[in-house]
Amino acid sequence: QVQLVESGGGLVQPGGSLRLSCTASGTIFVIAAMGWYRQAPGKQLELVAVITSGGSTNYADSMKGRFTISRDNAKNTVYLQMNSLKPEDTAVYYCKLDQVIGASYWGQGTQVTVSS
């Protein structure tokens, strides 16, 4: 079993920054990728950013230039640096881990609220 623990969410003013962290623990085989997704009230879950074990990244268009995903393979941790935050970035942010073989896992989510 794999556990994902997220941290770093909170309330921030428009234009501000937050850094989310997600650490995986448990019986992990080979990680293919880790990523962040978000779900705003009344909306579907959407991709924010993904990073592969090799370091390749993919971002949703609306996050490019504002968000940066990175990872520490030794710590099984993925980060999401979010800058220039907008009210429309308000959502619950979820961490996901994909293995090369085996199940994918989700974190419990962390709330990000952008409001003045």
N, C-alpha and C. Protein backbone atom coordinates (compact mmCIF):
# COMPACT_ATOMS: atom_id res chain seq x y z
N GLN A 1 0.85 -1.18 0.00
CA GLN A 1 0.00 0.00 0.00
C GLN A 1 0.89 1.24 0.00
N VAL A 2 0.42 2.26 -0.68
CA VAL A 2 1.16 3.51 -0.80
C VAL A 2 0.33 4.63 -0.20
N GLN A 3 0.97 5.49 0.55
CA GLN A 3 0.30 6.66 1.12
C GLN A 3 0.93 7.92 0.53
N LEU A 4 0.08 8.87 0.20
CA LEU A 4 0.52 10.17 -0.29
C LEU A 4 0.04 11.23 0.70
N VAL A 5 0.96 12.02 1.18
CA VAL A 5 0.61 13.07 2.13
C VAL A 5 0.96 14.42 1.52
N GLU A 6 -0.07 15.24 1.37
CA GLU A 6 0.10 16.57 0.77
C GLU A 6 0.14 17.63 1.86
N SER A 7 0.82 18.72 1.56
CA SER A 7 0.86 19.85 2.47
C SER A 7 1.12 21.12 1.68
N GLY A 8 0.88 22.25 2.34
CA GLY A 8 1.22 23.53 1.73
C GLY A 8 0.05 24.35 1.25
N GLY A 9 -1.15 23.81 1.29
CA GLY A 9 -2.30 24.59 0.87
C GLY A 9 -2.64 25.68 1.87
N GLY A 10 -3.57 26.54 1.49
CA GLY A 10 -3.99 27.59 2.39
C GLY A 10 -4.67 28.72 1.66
N LEU A 11 -4.79 29.83 2.37
CA LEU A 11 -5.42 31.02 1.83
C LEU A 11 -4.33 32.01 1.41
N VAL A 12 -4.46 32.52 0.20
CA VAL A 12 -3.48 33.47 -0.31
C VAL A 12 -4.21 34.54 -1.11
N GLN A 13 -3.65 35.73 -1.13
CA GLN A 13 -4.25 36.81 -1.90
C GLN A 13 -3.91 36.67 -3.38
N PRO A 14 -4.75 37.22 -4.23
CA PRO A 14 -4.43 37.20 -5.68
C PRO A 14 -3.04 37.79 -5.93
N GLY A 15 -2.30 37.12 -6.81
CA GLY A 15 -0.94 37.52 -7.09
C GLY A 15 0.10 36.88 -6.20
N GLY A 16 -0.37 36.21 -5.17
CA GLY A 16 0.54 35.57 -4.23
C GLY A 16 1.04 34.22 -4.70
N SER A 17 1.81 33.57 -3.83
CA SER A 17 2.43 32.29 -4.16
C SER A 17 2.18 31.27 -3.05
N LEU A 18 2.18 30.02 -3.45
CA LEU A 18 2.13 28.89 -2.52
C LEU A 18 3.00 27.78 -3.08
N ARG A 19 3.50 26.94 -2.20
CA ARG A 19 4.26 25.76 -2.62
C ARG A 19 3.62 24.53 -1.98
N LEU A 20 3.15 23.64 -2.83
CA LEU A 20 2.57 22.39 -2.36
C LEU A 20 3.64 21.30 -2.38
N SER A 21 3.53 20.39 -1.41
CA SER A 21 4.42 19.23 -1.35
C SER A 21 3.60 17.96 -1.23
N CYS A 22 4.11 16.89 -1.77
CA CYS A 22 3.45 15.58 -1.66
C CYS A 22 4.54 14.53 -1.52
N THR A 23 4.47 13.80 -0.43
CA THR A 23 5.46 12.75 -0.17
C THR A 23 4.80 11.39 -0.17
N ALA A 24 5.39 10.48 -0.90
CA ALA A 24 4.88 9.12 -0.98
C ALA A 24 5.66 8.20 -0.06
N SER A 25 4.95 7.29 0.57
CA SER A 25 5.59 6.30 1.43
C SER A 25 4.86 4.97 1.29
N GLY A 26 5.49 3.93 1.79
CA GLY A 26 4.89 2.60 1.70
C GLY A 26 5.63 1.74 0.70
N THR A 27 4.94 0.74 0.21
CA THR A 27 5.53 -0.21 -0.72
C THR A 27 5.40 0.33 -2.14
N ILE A 28 6.46 1.03 -2.55
CA ILE A 28 6.48 1.64 -3.87
C ILE A 28 7.41 0.84 -4.76
N PHE A 29 6.93 0.49 -5.93
CA PHE A 29 7.78 -0.24 -6.86
C PHE A 29 8.55 0.78 -7.69
N VAL A 30 8.24 0.93 -8.92
CA VAL A 30 8.95 1.90 -9.75
C VAL A 30 7.98 3.00 -10.14
N ILE A 31 8.31 4.22 -9.78
CA ILE A 31 7.43 5.34 -10.08
C ILE A 31 7.61 5.76 -11.53
N ALA A 32 6.49 5.84 -12.23
CA ALA A 32 6.54 6.34 -13.60
C ALA A 32 6.42 7.86 -13.62
N ALA A 33 5.51 8.36 -12.81
CA ALA A 33 5.28 9.80 -12.80
C ALA A 33 4.54 10.19 -11.53
N MET A 34 4.70 11.44 -11.17
CA MET A 34 3.90 12.03 -10.10
C MET A 34 3.32 13.33 -10.62
N GLY A 35 2.16 13.67 -10.14
CA GLY A 35 1.55 14.87 -10.67
C GLY A 35 0.55 15.49 -9.73
N TRP A 36 0.06 16.64 -10.17
CA TRP A 36 -0.95 17.38 -9.43
C TRP A 36 -2.18 17.58 -10.30
N TYR A 37 -3.32 17.40 -9.69
CA TYR A 37 -4.61 17.64 -10.31
C TYR A 37 -5.39 18.54 -9.36
N ARG A 38 -6.44 19.15 -9.88
CA ARG A 38 -7.26 19.99 -9.01
C ARG A 38 -8.72 19.89 -9.39
N GLN A 39 -9.55 20.18 -8.40
CA GLN A 39 -11.00 20.19 -8.64
C GLN A 39 -11.59 21.39 -7.94
N ALA A 40 -12.14 22.28 -8.73
CA ALA A 40 -12.81 23.45 -8.19
C ALA A 40 -14.28 23.11 -7.93
N PRO A 41 -14.94 23.85 -7.07
CA PRO A 41 -16.36 23.57 -6.77
C PRO A 41 -17.19 23.57 -8.04
N GLY A 42 -17.94 22.50 -8.22
CA GLY A 42 -18.84 22.41 -9.37
C GLY A 42 -18.16 22.08 -10.69
N LYS A 43 -16.85 21.81 -10.65
CA LYS A 43 -16.12 21.52 -11.88
C LYS A 43 -15.49 20.14 -11.82
N GLN A 44 -15.08 19.68 -12.98
CA GLN A 44 -14.44 18.37 -13.06
C GLN A 44 -12.98 18.44 -12.62
N LEU A 45 -12.47 17.30 -12.25
CA LEU A 45 -11.05 17.18 -11.94
C LEU A 45 -10.23 17.48 -13.19
N GLU A 46 -9.17 18.28 -13.03
CA GLU A 46 -8.35 18.62 -14.19
C GLU A 46 -6.87 18.48 -13.85
N LEU A 47 -6.10 18.21 -14.89
CA LEU A 47 -4.65 18.12 -14.75
C LEU A 47 -4.08 19.50 -14.47
N VAL A 48 -3.13 19.55 -13.54
CA VAL A 48 -2.36 20.77 -13.32
C VAL A 48 -0.98 20.59 -13.95
N ALA A 49 -0.26 19.59 -13.49
CA ALA A 49 1.09 19.33 -14.00
C ALA A 49 1.52 17.93 -13.62
N VAL A 50 2.38 17.35 -14.47
CA VAL A 50 2.90 16.01 -14.23
C VAL A 50 4.40 16.03 -14.50
N ILE A 51 5.13 15.24 -13.73
CA ILE A 51 6.56 15.09 -13.96
C ILE A 51 6.90 13.61 -13.93
N THR A 52 7.65 13.16 -14.94
CA THR A 52 8.02 11.75 -15.00
C THR A 52 9.28 11.49 -14.16
N SER A 53 9.58 10.23 -14.00
CA SER A 53 10.79 9.87 -13.24
C SER A 53 12.04 10.39 -13.92
N GLY A 54 11.95 10.58 -15.22
CA GLY A 54 13.09 11.11 -15.96
C GLY A 54 13.18 12.62 -15.96
N GLY A 55 12.15 13.26 -15.40
CA GLY A 55 12.18 14.72 -15.29
C GLY A 55 11.38 15.46 -16.34
N SER A 56 10.76 14.75 -17.26
CA SER A 56 9.92 15.42 -18.25
C SER A 56 8.67 15.96 -17.58
N THR A 57 8.25 17.14 -18.03
CA THR A 57 7.09 17.78 -17.40
C THR A 57 6.01 18.08 -18.43
N ASN A 58 4.79 18.17 -17.94
CA ASN A 58 3.66 18.53 -18.78
C ASN A 58 2.74 19.39 -17.93
N TYR A 59 2.29 20.50 -18.48
CA TYR A 59 1.43 21.44 -17.76
C TYR A 59 0.15 21.69 -18.52
N ALA A 60 -0.90 21.95 -17.78
CA ALA A 60 -2.10 22.47 -18.41
C ALA A 60 -1.80 23.87 -18.91
N ASP A 61 -2.41 24.24 -20.01
CA ASP A 61 -2.10 25.51 -20.65
C ASP A 61 -2.26 26.70 -19.71
N SER A 62 -3.29 26.66 -18.89
CA SER A 62 -3.57 27.81 -18.03
C SER A 62 -2.56 27.97 -16.89
N MET A 63 -1.73 26.94 -16.67
CA MET A 63 -0.75 26.98 -15.60
C MET A 63 0.67 27.28 -16.11
N LYS A 64 0.86 27.18 -17.42
CA LYS A 64 2.20 27.38 -17.96
C LYS A 64 2.70 28.79 -17.66
N GLY A 65 3.93 28.86 -17.19
CA GLY A 65 4.52 30.15 -16.86
C GLY A 65 4.24 30.62 -15.45
N ARG A 66 3.26 30.03 -14.79
CA ARG A 66 2.93 30.43 -13.42
C ARG A 66 3.27 29.33 -12.42
N PHE A 67 3.07 28.08 -12.83
CA PHE A 67 3.29 26.95 -11.93
C PHE A 67 4.53 26.18 -12.38
N THR A 68 5.26 25.63 -11.41
CA THR A 68 6.43 24.82 -11.71
C THR A 68 6.37 23.55 -10.87
N ILE A 69 6.45 22.40 -11.54
CA ILE A 69 6.47 21.13 -10.85
C ILE A 69 7.91 20.63 -10.79
N SER A 70 8.27 20.04 -9.67
CA SER A 70 9.61 19.48 -9.50
C SER A 70 9.50 18.28 -8.57
N ARG A 71 10.57 17.50 -8.51
CA ARG A 71 10.51 16.32 -7.64
C ARG A 71 11.90 16.00 -7.09
N ASP A 72 11.87 15.36 -5.94
CA ASP A 72 13.06 14.83 -5.31
C ASP A 72 12.90 13.32 -5.28
N ASN A 73 13.55 12.64 -6.22
CA ASN A 73 13.36 11.20 -6.34
C ASN A 73 13.81 10.46 -5.07
N ALA A 74 14.85 10.95 -4.45
CA ALA A 74 15.36 10.27 -3.25
C ALA A 74 14.36 10.32 -2.11
N LYS A 75 13.53 11.35 -2.10
CA LYS A 75 12.54 11.52 -1.03
C LYS A 75 11.14 11.13 -1.48
N ASN A 76 11.01 10.67 -2.71
CA ASN A 76 9.67 10.35 -3.25
C ASN A 76 8.70 11.51 -3.04
N THR A 77 9.19 12.69 -3.30
CA THR A 77 8.41 13.90 -3.06
C THR A 77 8.29 14.72 -4.33
N VAL A 78 7.10 15.24 -4.55
CA VAL A 78 6.86 16.13 -5.67
C VAL A 78 6.38 17.46 -5.13
N TYR A 79 6.80 18.53 -5.79
CA TYR A 79 6.44 19.89 -5.36
C TYR A 79 5.70 20.60 -6.48
N LEU A 80 4.89 21.55 -6.08
CA LEU A 80 4.23 22.43 -7.05
C LEU A 80 4.38 23.86 -6.54
N GLN A 81 5.22 24.61 -7.22
CA GLN A 81 5.37 26.03 -6.91
C GLN A 81 4.36 26.80 -7.73
N MET A 82 3.50 27.52 -7.05
CA MET A 82 2.42 28.26 -7.72
C MET A 82 2.63 29.75 -7.48
N ASN A 83 2.82 30.47 -8.56
CA ASN A 83 3.03 31.92 -8.49
C ASN A 83 1.90 32.64 -9.23
N SER A 84 1.80 33.92 -8.98
CA SER A 84 0.78 34.74 -9.65
C SER A 84 -0.60 34.09 -9.57
N LEU A 85 -0.96 33.69 -8.40
CA LEU A 85 -2.22 32.97 -8.22
C LEU A 85 -3.41 33.86 -8.48
N LYS A 86 -4.44 33.25 -9.03
CA LYS A 86 -5.68 33.93 -9.39
C LYS A 86 -6.84 33.32 -8.63
N PRO A 87 -7.92 34.06 -8.46
CA PRO A 87 -9.08 33.47 -7.79
C PRO A 87 -9.56 32.17 -8.45
N GLU A 88 -9.41 32.08 -9.75
CA GLU A 88 -9.85 30.87 -10.45
C GLU A 88 -8.94 29.67 -10.19
N ASP A 89 -7.84 29.87 -9.50
CA ASP A 89 -7.00 28.75 -9.09
C ASP A 89 -7.51 28.09 -7.80
N THR A 90 -8.53 28.69 -7.22
CA THR A 90 -9.10 28.11 -6.01
C THR A 90 -9.67 26.73 -6.29
N ALA A 91 -9.21 25.75 -5.54
CA ALA A 91 -9.61 24.36 -5.77
C ALA A 91 -8.99 23.48 -4.69
N VAL A 92 -9.42 22.24 -4.68
CA VAL A 92 -8.71 21.22 -3.91
C VAL A 92 -7.67 20.61 -4.84
N TYR A 93 -6.44 20.60 -4.41
CA TYR A 93 -5.34 20.07 -5.22
C TYR A 93 -4.97 18.68 -4.71
N TYR A 94 -4.91 17.74 -5.67
CA TYR A 94 -4.62 16.35 -5.34
C TYR A 94 -3.30 15.92 -5.97
N CYS A 95 -2.56 15.16 -5.23
CA CYS A 95 -1.34 14.55 -5.73
C CYS A 95 -1.66 13.14 -6.23
N LYS A 96 -1.00 12.75 -7.31
CA LYS A 96 -1.19 11.40 -7.85
C LYS A 96 0.15 10.77 -8.15
N LEU A 97 0.25 9.48 -7.88
CA LEU A 97 1.45 8.70 -8.18
C LEU A 97 1.09 7.58 -9.12
N ASP A 98 1.80 7.49 -10.23
CA ASP A 98 1.63 6.41 -11.20
C ASP A 98 2.87 5.54 -11.18
N GLN A 99 2.65 4.24 -11.05
CA GLN A 99 3.76 3.30 -11.09
C GLN A 99 3.91 2.72 -12.49
N VAL A 100 5.12 2.23 -12.77
CA VAL A 100 5.34 1.58 -14.06
C VAL A 100 4.46 0.34 -14.16
N ILE A 101 4.42 -0.41 -13.09
CA ILE A 101 3.54 -1.58 -12.99
C ILE A 101 2.80 -1.47 -11.67
N GLY A 102 1.50 -1.64 -11.72
CA GLY A 102 0.74 -1.59 -10.49
C GLY A 102 -0.21 -0.43 -10.45
N ALA A 103 -0.84 -0.28 -9.29
CA ALA A 103 -1.90 0.71 -9.12
C ALA A 103 -1.36 2.13 -9.08
N SER A 104 -2.26 3.07 -9.35
CA SER A 104 -1.99 4.48 -9.13
C SER A 104 -2.61 4.87 -7.80
N TYR A 105 -2.05 5.90 -7.19
CA TYR A 105 -2.53 6.33 -5.88
C TYR A 105 -2.77 7.83 -5.87
N TRP A 106 -3.73 8.22 -5.03
CA TRP A 106 -4.10 9.63 -4.87
C TRP A 106 -3.91 10.06 -3.41
N GLY A 107 -3.55 11.31 -3.25
CA GLY A 107 -3.52 11.89 -1.93
C GLY A 107 -4.92 12.32 -1.51
N GLN A 108 -5.00 12.84 -0.29
CA GLN A 108 -6.30 13.21 0.26
C GLN A 108 -6.76 14.59 -0.19
N GLY A 109 -5.86 15.35 -0.76
CA GLY A 109 -6.18 16.68 -1.25
C GLY A 109 -5.83 17.77 -0.26
N THR A 110 -5.48 18.92 -0.79
CA THR A 110 -5.20 20.09 0.04
C THR A 110 -5.89 21.30 -0.58
N GLN A 111 -6.56 22.08 0.26
CA GLN A 111 -7.34 23.21 -0.24
C GLN A 111 -6.44 24.40 -0.51
N VAL A 112 -6.63 24.99 -1.68
CA VAL A 112 -5.99 26.26 -2.03
C VAL A 112 -7.09 27.26 -2.31
N THR A 113 -7.06 28.35 -1.58
CA THR A 113 -8.06 29.41 -1.75
C THR A 113 -7.35 30.71 -2.06
N VAL A 114 -7.71 31.30 -3.19
CA VAL A 114 -7.12 32.57 -3.61
C VAL A 114 -8.20 33.64 -3.52
N SER A 115 -8.04 34.52 -2.56
CA SER A 115 -9.08 35.51 -2.31
C SER A 115 -8.48 36.69 -1.56
N SER A 116 -9.05 37.86 -1.84
CA SER A 116 -8.63 39.05 -1.11
C SER A 116 -9.53 39.27 0.10
